[in-house]
Amino acid sequence: MKLYMRQKVFSWVDRFTVKDENGHDKYRAEGEFFSFGKKLHIYDMAGMERALIQEKVFSFLPRFFVFVGGQQVAEIVKELTFLRQKYRIDGLGWKINGDFWAHNYEIVQNGRIIVTIHKQWMTWGDCYELDIADERDEIAALAVVLAIDCVIAASSSSSNAGAGN
């Protein structure tokens, strides 16, 4: 099954819809404007919260928690490396392989592909295709991919903040 998400280019808070392969709205993601640490809620189209992504504040490296059904299922951590970006998913037994900056990577578990992520180029704003192998992993996979995107954004904003000084 495939999901598509396009983040709005000019938005003060993260707010976008996730579409299915037929182009129908399937989920809505909304960030909190006034919160201590970044929070991103994922709702189904009936308005029920399906997942929450929450930043751990006061952490040396970017770190985000993923909650599904009110329970923490994963923690996405940027690892300290010098040559390339490396992220770790704790809690699900999932591993990440690929090029994060190009948004072309996959998440696997014991050799089984959970989800592949591809950035679609030549679009207005960022548009991503998520190909999820098993629909039972849909919410967790979507939330983990969004959390990885949050970690990448937090990493780039913190490095840009230091570059201007």
C-alpha atoms as a PDB file:
ATOM      1  CA  MET A   1       0.000   0.000   0.000  1.00  0.00           C
ATOM      2  CA  LYS A   2       1.215   3.463  -0.795  1.00  0.00           C
ATOM      3  CA  LEU A   3       0.773   6.724   1.056  1.00  0.00           C
ATOM      4  CA  TYR A   4       1.691  10.168  -0.215  1.00  0.00           C
ATOM      5  CA  MET A   5       2.392  13.242   1.837  1.00  0.00           C
ATOM      6  CA  ARG A   6       3.104  16.768   0.789  1.00  0.00           C
ATOM      7  CA  GLN A   7       4.072  19.348   3.343  1.00  0.00           C
ATOM      8  CA  LYS A   8       2.741  22.838   2.787  1.00  0.00           C
ATOM      9  CA  VAL A   9       5.466  25.252   1.783  1.00  0.00           C
ATOM     10  CA  PHE A  10       4.253  28.381   3.598  1.00  0.00           C
ATOM     11  CA  SER A  11       2.939  27.201   6.965  1.00  0.00           C
ATOM     12  CA  TRP A  12       3.673  28.498  10.466  1.00  0.00           C
ATOM     13  CA  VAL A  13       2.932  25.094  11.941  1.00  0.00           C
ATOM     14  CA  ASP A  14       3.368  21.688  10.376  1.00  0.00           C
ATOM     15  CA  ARG A  15       0.035  20.846   8.796  1.00  0.00           C
ATOM     16  CA  PHE A  16      -0.523  18.524   5.889  1.00  0.00           C
ATOM     17  CA  THR A  17      -2.626  15.634   4.680  1.00  0.00           C
ATOM     18  CA  VAL A  18      -1.528  12.132   3.819  1.00  0.00           C
ATOM     19  CA  LYS A  19      -3.223  10.629   0.786  1.00  0.00           C
ATOM     20  CA  ASP A  20      -3.736   7.044  -0.283  1.00  0.00           C
ATOM     21  CA  GLU A  21      -2.699   5.691  -3.675  1.00  0.00           C
ATOM     22  CA  ASN A  22      -6.059   6.781  -5.146  1.00  0.00           C
ATOM     23  CA  GLY A  23      -5.466  10.398  -4.136  1.00  0.00           C
ATOM     24  CA  HIS A  24      -8.002  10.380  -1.288  1.00  0.00           C
ATOM     25  CA  ASP A  25      -7.195  12.004   2.042  1.00  0.00           C
ATOM     26  CA  LYS A  26      -6.376   9.294   4.587  1.00  0.00           C
ATOM     27  CA  TYR A  27      -4.668  11.095   7.485  1.00  0.00           C
ATOM     28  CA  ARG A  28      -4.116  14.650   8.669  1.00  0.00           C
ATOM     29  CA  ALA A  29      -0.948  15.697  10.508  1.00  0.00           C
ATOM     30  CA  GLU A  30      -0.920  18.813  12.669  1.00  0.00           C
ATOM     31  CA  GLY A  31       1.832  20.319  14.738  1.00  0.00           C
ATOM     32  CA  GLU A  32       1.299  22.288  17.926  1.00  0.00           C
ATOM     33  CA  PHE A  33       2.183  25.954  17.606  1.00  0.00           C
ATOM     34  CA  PHE A  34       2.681  26.627  21.333  1.00  0.00           C
ATOM     35  CA  SER A  35       4.276  23.574  22.910  1.00  0.00           C
ATOM     36  CA  PHE A  36       7.400  22.794  24.858  1.00  0.00           C
ATOM     37  CA  GLY A  37       9.285  20.768  22.273  1.00  0.00           C
ATOM     38  CA  LYS A  38       7.867  19.894  18.889  1.00  0.00           C
ATOM     39  CA  LYS A  39       4.691  17.782  18.799  1.00  0.00           C
ATOM     40  CA  LEU A  40       3.025  16.367  15.712  1.00  0.00           C
ATOM     41  CA  HIS A  41      -0.393  14.681  15.902  1.00  0.00           C
ATOM     42  CA  ILE A  42      -1.629  12.253  13.245  1.00  0.00           C
ATOM     43  CA  TYR A  43      -5.410  12.015  12.888  1.00  0.00           C
ATOM     44  CA  ASP A  44      -7.567   9.819  10.693  1.00  0.00           C
ATOM     45  CA  MET A  45     -10.205  11.548   8.589  1.00  0.00           C
ATOM     46  CA  ALA A  46     -12.827  10.985  11.311  1.00  0.00           C
ATOM     47  CA  GLY A  47     -10.696  13.167  13.630  1.00  0.00           C
ATOM     48  CA  MET A  48      -9.436  10.351  15.858  1.00  0.00           C
ATOM     49  CA  GLU A  49      -5.791  10.675  16.914  1.00  0.00           C
ATOM     50  CA  ARG A  50      -3.859   7.666  15.593  1.00  0.00           C
ATOM     51  CA  ALA A  51      -0.312   8.660  16.592  1.00  0.00           C
ATOM     52  CA  LEU A  52       1.709  11.362  18.318  1.00  0.00           C
ATOM     53  CA  ILE A  53       5.325  12.334  17.705  1.00  0.00           C
ATOM     54  CA  GLN A  54       6.964  14.265  20.534  1.00  0.00           C
ATOM     55  CA  GLU A  55      10.427  15.784  20.748  1.00  0.00           C
ATOM     56  CA  LYS A  56      12.530  15.122  23.815  1.00  0.00           C
ATOM     57  CA  VAL A  57      13.654  18.515  25.039  1.00  0.00           C
ATOM     58  CA  PHE A  58      17.064  19.121  26.571  1.00  0.00           C
ATOM     59  CA  SER A  59      18.716  16.349  24.589  1.00  0.00           C
ATOM     60  CA  PHE A  60      22.232  16.673  23.190  1.00  0.00           C
ATOM     61  CA  LEU A  61      21.196  15.110  19.873  1.00  0.00           C
ATOM     62  CA  PRO A  62      17.706  15.285  18.334  1.00  0.00           C
ATOM     63  CA  ARG A  63      15.437  12.602  19.779  1.00  0.00           C
ATOM     64  CA  PHE A  64      11.730  11.985  19.144  1.00  0.00           C
ATOM     65  CA  PHE A  65       9.232   9.585  20.693  1.00  0.00           C
ATOM     66  CA  VAL A  66       6.439   7.882  18.735  1.00  0.00           C
ATOM     67  CA  PHE A  67       3.169   7.063  20.500  1.00  0.00           C
ATOM     68  CA  VAL A  68       0.432   4.905  18.945  1.00  0.00           C
ATOM     69  CA  GLY A  69      -2.780   4.409  20.886  1.00  0.00           C
ATOM     70  CA  GLY A  70      -1.329   6.364  23.796  1.00  0.00           C
ATOM     71  CA  GLN A  71       1.588   3.925  24.196  1.00  0.00           C
ATOM     72  CA  GLN A  72       5.201   4.707  23.305  1.00  0.00           C
ATOM     73  CA  VAL A  73       6.200   2.317  20.522  1.00  0.00           C
ATOM     74  CA  ALA A  74       9.442   3.852  19.277  1.00  0.00           C
ATOM     75  CA  GLU A  75      12.186   6.352  19.907  1.00  0.00           C
ATOM     76  CA  ILE A  76      14.060   7.857  16.958  1.00  0.00           C
ATOM     77  CA  VAL A  77      17.586   8.980  17.824  1.00  0.00           C
ATOM     78  CA  LYS A  78      20.180  10.703  15.698  1.00  0.00           C
ATOM     79  CA  GLU A  79      23.499   9.014  16.366  1.00  0.00           C
ATOM     80  CA  LEU A  80      26.745  10.922  16.650  1.00  0.00           C
ATOM     81  CA  THR A  81      28.736  10.273  13.472  1.00  0.00           C
ATOM     82  CA  PHE A  82      31.155  12.404  11.508  1.00  0.00           C
ATOM     83  CA  LEU A  83      30.855  11.177   7.935  1.00  0.00           C
ATOM     84  CA  ARG A  84      27.154  10.589   7.311  1.00  0.00           C
ATOM     85  CA  GLN A  85      23.732  10.817   8.885  1.00  0.00           C
ATOM     86  CA  LYS A  86      22.767   7.823  10.994  1.00  0.00           C
ATOM     87  CA  TYR A  87      19.556   7.237  12.890  1.00  0.00           C
ATOM     88  CA  ARG A  88      18.396   4.541  15.250  1.00  0.00           C
ATOM     89  CA  ILE A  89      14.867   3.298  15.909  1.00  0.00           C
ATOM     90  CA  ASP A  90      14.506   1.877  19.415  1.00  0.00           C
ATOM     91  CA  GLY A  91      11.464  -0.131  20.439  1.00  0.00           C
ATOM     92  CA  LEU A  92      10.282  -1.801  17.222  1.00  0.00           C
ATOM     93  CA  GLY A  93      13.356  -3.756  16.168  1.00  0.00           C
ATOM     94  CA  TRP A  94      13.448  -1.784  12.915  1.00  0.00           C
ATOM     95  CA  LYS A  95      16.622  -0.660  11.120  1.00  0.00           C
ATOM     96  CA  ILE A  96      17.068   2.202   8.633  1.00  0.00           C
ATOM     97  CA  ASN A  97      19.107   1.976   5.407  1.00  0.00           C
ATOM     98  CA  GLY A  98      19.625   4.547   2.685  1.00  0.00           C
ATOM     99  CA  ASP A  99      20.114   8.235   1.957  1.00  0.00           C
ATOM    100  CA  PHE A 100      18.173  10.408   4.406  1.00  0.00           C
ATOM    101  CA  TRP A 101      19.000  13.771   2.858  1.00  0.00           C
ATOM    102  CA  ALA A 102      17.615  12.611  -0.494  1.00  0.00           C
ATOM    103  CA  HIS A 103      14.656  10.995   1.290  1.00  0.00           C
ATOM    104  CA  ASN A 104      15.400   7.698  -0.406  1.00  0.00           C
ATOM    105  CA  TYR A 105      15.634   5.012   2.254  1.00  0.00           C
ATOM    106  CA  GLU A 106      13.965   1.924   3.655  1.00  0.00           C
ATOM    107  CA  ILE A 107      13.089   0.581   7.063  1.00  0.00           C
ATOM    108  CA  VAL A 108      13.562  -3.147   7.577  1.00  0.00           C
ATOM    109  CA  GLN A 109      13.087  -5.740  10.299  1.00  0.00           C
ATOM    110  CA  ASN A 110      15.092  -8.984  10.112  1.00  0.00           C
ATOM    111  CA  GLY A 111      15.497  -8.584   6.340  1.00  0.00           C
ATOM    112  CA  ARG A 112      11.774  -7.856   5.783  1.00  0.00           C
ATOM    113  CA  ILE A 113      11.014  -4.451   4.277  1.00  0.00           C
ATOM    114  CA  ILE A 114       8.558  -2.487   6.418  1.00  0.00           C
ATOM    115  CA  VAL A 115       8.444   0.682   4.303  1.00  0.00           C
ATOM    116  CA  THR A 116      10.399   2.318   1.489  1.00  0.00           C
ATOM    117  CA  ILE A 117      10.473   6.095   1.243  1.00  0.00           C
ATOM    118  CA  HIS A 118      11.123   8.079  -1.919  1.00  0.00           C
ATOM    119  CA  LYS A 119      11.069  11.831  -2.363  1.00  0.00           C
ATOM    120  CA  GLN A 120       9.247  12.922  -5.471  1.00  0.00           C
ATOM    121  CA  TRP A 121      11.170  15.650  -7.250  1.00  0.00           C
ATOM    122  CA  MET A 122       9.818  18.480  -9.382  1.00  0.00           C
ATOM    123  CA  THR A 123       6.867  19.149  -7.068  1.00  0.00           C
ATOM    124  CA  TRP A 124       5.796  22.291  -5.207  1.00  0.00           C
ATOM    125  CA  GLY A 125       6.885  21.598  -1.652  1.00  0.00           C
ATOM    126  CA  ASP A 126       8.183  18.316  -0.369  1.00  0.00           C
ATOM    127  CA  CYS A 127       6.253  15.272  -1.585  1.00  0.00           C
ATOM    128  CA  TYR A 128       7.062  11.788  -0.335  1.00  0.00           C
ATOM    129  CA  GLU A 129       5.905   8.335  -1.354  1.00  0.00           C
ATOM    130  CA  LEU A 130       5.745   5.679   1.365  1.00  0.00           C
ATOM    131  CA  ASP A 131       5.361   2.108   0.143  1.00  0.00           C
ATOM    132  CA  ILE A 132       4.274   0.067   3.174  1.00  0.00           C
ATOM    133  CA  ALA A 133       4.522  -3.699   2.768  1.00  0.00           C
ATOM    134  CA  ASP A 134       1.991  -4.739   5.451  1.00  0.00           C
ATOM    135  CA  GLU A 135      -1.057  -2.615   6.266  1.00  0.00           C
ATOM    136  CA  ARG A 136      -0.743  -3.631   9.940  1.00  0.00           C
ATOM    137  CA  ASP A 137       2.433  -1.501  10.052  1.00  0.00           C
ATOM    138  CA  GLU A 138       0.774   1.517   8.424  1.00  0.00           C
ATOM    139  CA  ILE A 139       0.346   3.868  11.406  1.00  0.00           C
ATOM    140  CA  ALA A 140       3.662   2.983  13.072  1.00  0.00           C
ATOM    141  CA  ALA A 141       5.532   3.266   9.744  1.00  0.00           C
ATOM    142  CA  LEU A 142       3.935   6.622   8.929  1.00  0.00           C
ATOM    143  CA  ALA A 143       4.709   7.968  12.407  1.00  0.00           C
ATOM    144  CA  VAL A 144       8.317   6.720  12.346  1.00  0.00           C
ATOM    145  CA  VAL A 145       8.932   8.266   8.904  1.00  0.00           C
ATOM    146  CA  LEU A 146       7.497  11.574  10.130  1.00  0.00           C
ATOM    147  CA  ALA A 147       9.641  11.361  13.273  1.00  0.00           C
ATOM    148  CA  ILE A 148      12.756  10.786  11.146  1.00  0.00           C
ATOM    149  CA  ASP A 149      11.781  13.859   9.109  1.00  0.00           C
ATOM    150  CA  CYS A 150      11.449  15.816  12.386  1.00  0.00           C
ATOM    151  CA  VAL A 151      14.921  14.665  13.498  1.00  0.00           C
ATOM    152  CA  ILE A 152      16.406  15.701  10.133  1.00  0.00           C
ATOM    153  CA  ALA A 153      14.691  19.102  10.350  1.00  0.00           C
ATOM    154  CA  ALA A 154      15.858  19.596  13.953  1.00  0.00           C
ATOM    155  CA  SER A 155      19.417  18.634  12.971  1.00  0.00           C
ATOM    156  CA  SER A 156      19.516  21.022  10.034  1.00  0.00           C
ATOM    157  CA  SER A 157      17.982  23.913  11.997  1.00  0.00           C
ATOM    158  CA  SER A 158      20.457  23.489  14.865  1.00  0.00           C
ATOM    159  CA  SER A 159      23.410  23.361  12.452  1.00  0.00           C
ATOM    160  CA  ASN A 160      22.093  26.418  10.578  1.00  0.00           C
ATOM    161  CA  ALA A 161      21.690  28.323  13.850  1.00  0.00           C
ATOM    162  CA  GLY A 162      25.356  27.755  14.668  1.00  0.00           C
ATOM    163  CA  ALA A 163      26.488  28.738  11.172  1.00  0.00           C
ATOM    164  CA  GLY A 164      25.132  32.275  11.461  1.00  0.00           C
ATOM    165  CA  ASN A 165      27.043  33.109  14.625  1.00  0.00           C
END
